Amino acid sequence: MMGVRLYLIAYDISSPKRWRRVQKIVRRLCRRSQLSVFVCRGTQARLARLETALKREMDLTHDRLMVLDLGPAETAAAKLESINSISDIAELGGIVL
């Protein structure tokens, strides 16, 4: 799949209600690494749609969202290391935004 990249998504949401809504959106599309840190695989266009959906749920004066582009999915997953987190980063091959 051309243009598929790996992204690290982290957020800090100040309201428990908004946090649950944001988490619900991200959990549908990404693999959890930590409480508010996820790894996603997808195209830039699909990432833009995810960011738009998340921003609709956030209070942009108080909440924070960070998206890090880790590079092409086929090479980035091999470079990730996690201890007591995602058991197999290679499983991300099946998750596409």
C-alpha atoms as a PDB file:
ATOM      1  CA  MET A   1       0.000   0.000   0.000  1.00  0.00           C
ATOM      2  CA  MET A   2       1.609   3.224  -1.157  1.00  0.00           C
ATOM      3  CA  GLY A   3       1.871   6.137   1.232  1.00  0.00           C
ATOM      4  CA  VAL A   4       1.105   4.161   4.374  1.00  0.00           C
ATOM      5  CA  ARG A   5       2.985   5.592   7.331  1.00  0.00           C
ATOM      6  CA  LEU A   6       3.287   4.855  11.030  1.00  0.00           C
ATOM      7  CA  TYR A   7       2.165   7.549  13.489  1.00  0.00           C
ATOM      8  CA  LEU A   8       2.520   7.944  17.227  1.00  0.00           C
ATOM      9  CA  ILE A   9      -0.483   9.756  18.707  1.00  0.00           C
ATOM     10  CA  ALA A  10      -0.478  11.127  22.247  1.00  0.00           C
ATOM     11  CA  TYR A  11      -2.993  13.336  23.978  1.00  0.00           C
ATOM     12  CA  ASP A  12      -3.568  15.101  27.265  1.00  0.00           C
ATOM     13  CA  ILE A  13      -7.251  15.860  27.800  1.00  0.00           C
ATOM     14  CA  SER A  14      -8.226  17.859  30.889  1.00  0.00           C
ATOM     15  CA  SER A  15     -11.855  16.712  31.173  1.00  0.00           C
ATOM     16  CA  PRO A  16     -12.662  13.045  31.910  1.00  0.00           C
ATOM     17  CA  LYS A  17     -15.737  13.254  29.667  1.00  0.00           C
ATOM     18  CA  ARG A  18     -13.754  14.614  26.692  1.00  0.00           C
ATOM     19  CA  TRP A  19     -10.928  12.149  27.429  1.00  0.00           C
ATOM     20  CA  ARG A  20     -13.357   9.214  27.092  1.00  0.00           C
ATOM     21  CA  ARG A  21     -14.730  10.562  23.801  1.00  0.00           C
ATOM     22  CA  VAL A  22     -11.238  11.110  22.366  1.00  0.00           C
ATOM     23  CA  GLN A  23     -10.095   7.690  23.560  1.00  0.00           C
ATOM     24  CA  LYS A  24     -13.099   6.008  21.932  1.00  0.00           C
ATOM     25  CA  ILE A  25     -12.235   7.544  18.554  1.00  0.00           C
ATOM     26  CA  VAL A  26      -8.538   6.670  18.741  1.00  0.00           C
ATOM     27  CA  ARG A  27      -9.089   3.113  20.026  1.00  0.00           C
ATOM     28  CA  ARG A  28     -11.177   2.282  16.953  1.00  0.00           C
ATOM     29  CA  LEU A  29      -8.266   3.057  14.637  1.00  0.00           C
ATOM     30  CA  CYS A  30      -5.032   2.636  16.572  1.00  0.00           C
ATOM     31  CA  ARG A  31      -3.178   0.239  18.831  1.00  0.00           C
ATOM     32  CA  ARG A  32      -2.705   1.404  22.412  1.00  0.00           C
ATOM     33  CA  SER A  33       0.855   1.709  23.693  1.00  0.00           C
ATOM     34  CA  GLN A  34       0.167   3.560  26.966  1.00  0.00           C
ATOM     35  CA  LEU A  35      -2.863   5.171  28.595  1.00  0.00           C
ATOM     36  CA  SER A  36      -3.024   8.107  26.174  1.00  0.00           C
ATOM     37  CA  VAL A  37      -0.401   7.008  23.641  1.00  0.00           C
ATOM     38  CA  PHE A  38      -1.294   5.067  20.498  1.00  0.00           C
ATOM     39  CA  VAL A  39       0.429   3.810  17.359  1.00  0.00           C
ATOM     40  CA  CYS A  40      -1.486   4.047  14.073  1.00  0.00           C
ATOM     41  CA  ARG A  41      -0.850   2.981  10.526  1.00  0.00           C
ATOM     42  CA  GLY A  42      -2.401   4.922   7.642  1.00  0.00           C
ATOM     43  CA  THR A  43      -2.207   7.502   4.918  1.00  0.00           C
ATOM     44  CA  GLN A  44      -1.828  11.225   5.474  1.00  0.00           C
ATOM     45  CA  ALA A  45      -5.390  11.783   4.213  1.00  0.00           C
ATOM     46  CA  ARG A  46      -6.845   9.358   6.741  1.00  0.00           C
ATOM     47  CA  LEU A  47      -4.709  10.849   9.487  1.00  0.00           C
ATOM     48  CA  ALA A  48      -6.123  14.281   8.621  1.00  0.00           C
ATOM     49  CA  ARG A  49      -9.672  12.906   9.030  1.00  0.00           C
ATOM     50  CA  LEU A  50      -8.736  11.384  12.396  1.00  0.00           C
ATOM     51  CA  GLU A  51      -7.228  14.684  13.567  1.00  0.00           C
ATOM     52  CA  THR A  52     -10.385  16.539  12.491  1.00  0.00           C
ATOM     53  CA  ALA A  53     -12.595  14.112  14.440  1.00  0.00           C
ATOM     54  CA  LEU A  54     -10.394  14.426  17.526  1.00  0.00           C
ATOM     55  CA  LYS A  55     -10.265  18.229  17.411  1.00  0.00           C
ATOM     56  CA  ARG A  56     -14.083  18.313  17.321  1.00  0.00           C
ATOM     57  CA  GLU A  57     -14.111  16.555  20.711  1.00  0.00           C
ATOM     58  CA  MET A  58     -11.301  18.582  22.278  1.00  0.00           C
ATOM     59  CA  ASP A  59     -11.214  21.938  24.022  1.00  0.00           C
ATOM     60  CA  LEU A  60      -8.293  23.406  22.101  1.00  0.00           C
ATOM     61  CA  THR A  61      -7.591  25.977  24.838  1.00  0.00           C
ATOM     62  CA  HIS A  62      -6.894  23.265  27.441  1.00  0.00           C
ATOM     63  CA  ASP A  63      -6.351  19.910  25.715  1.00  0.00           C
ATOM     64  CA  ARG A  64      -3.276  18.774  23.796  1.00  0.00           C
ATOM     65  CA  LEU A  65      -2.814  16.407  20.861  1.00  0.00           C
ATOM     66  CA  MET A  66       0.562  15.338  19.483  1.00  0.00           C
ATOM     67  CA  VAL A  67       1.001  13.362  16.261  1.00  0.00           C
ATOM     68  CA  LEU A  68       4.478  12.150  15.345  1.00  0.00           C
ATOM     69  CA  ASP A  69       5.111  10.788  11.849  1.00  0.00           C
ATOM     70  CA  LEU A  70       7.443   7.810  12.360  1.00  0.00           C
ATOM     71  CA  GLY A  71       7.967   7.219   8.648  1.00  0.00           C
ATOM     72  CA  PRO A  72       6.956   4.582   6.107  1.00  0.00           C
ATOM     73  CA  ALA A  73       5.064   1.777   7.849  1.00  0.00           C
ATOM     74  CA  GLU A  74       7.114  -1.007   6.304  1.00  0.00           C
ATOM     75  CA  THR A  75      10.348   0.297   7.852  1.00  0.00           C
ATOM     76  CA  ALA A  76       9.177   2.250  10.910  1.00  0.00           C
ATOM     77  CA  ALA A  77       7.612  -0.726  12.721  1.00  0.00           C
ATOM     78  CA  ALA A  78      10.930  -2.564  12.640  1.00  0.00           C
ATOM     79  CA  LYS A  79      12.604   0.363  14.417  1.00  0.00           C
ATOM     80  CA  LEU A  80      10.134   0.593  17.319  1.00  0.00           C
ATOM     81  CA  GLU A  81      10.927  -0.976  20.640  1.00  0.00           C
ATOM     82  CA  SER A  82       8.498  -1.268  23.511  1.00  0.00           C
ATOM     83  CA  ILE A  83       8.873  -2.797  26.964  1.00  0.00           C
ATOM     84  CA  ASN A  84       5.654  -4.034  28.615  1.00  0.00           C
ATOM     85  CA  SER A  85       3.514  -2.273  26.047  1.00  0.00           C
ATOM     86  CA  ILE A  86       2.467  -3.387  22.588  1.00  0.00           C
ATOM     87  CA  SER A  87       3.377  -7.049  22.608  1.00  0.00           C
ATOM     88  CA  ASP A  88       4.100  -7.193  18.912  1.00  0.00           C
ATOM     89  CA  ILE A  89       4.591  -3.994  16.933  1.00  0.00           C
ATOM     90  CA  ALA A  90       4.431  -6.112  13.771  1.00  0.00           C
ATOM     91  CA  GLU A  91       0.713  -6.635  14.490  1.00  0.00           C
ATOM     92  CA  LEU A  92       0.231  -3.049  13.365  1.00  0.00           C
ATOM     93  CA  GLY A  93       0.343  -4.359   9.819  1.00  0.00           C
ATOM     94  CA  GLY A  94      -3.371  -5.061  10.128  1.00  0.00           C
ATOM     95  CA  ILE A  95      -4.397  -1.658  11.446  1.00  0.00           C
ATOM     96  CA  VAL A  96      -4.867   1.036   8.836  1.00  0.00           C
ATOM     97  CA  LEU A  97      -6.425   4.436   9.466  1.00  0.00           C
END
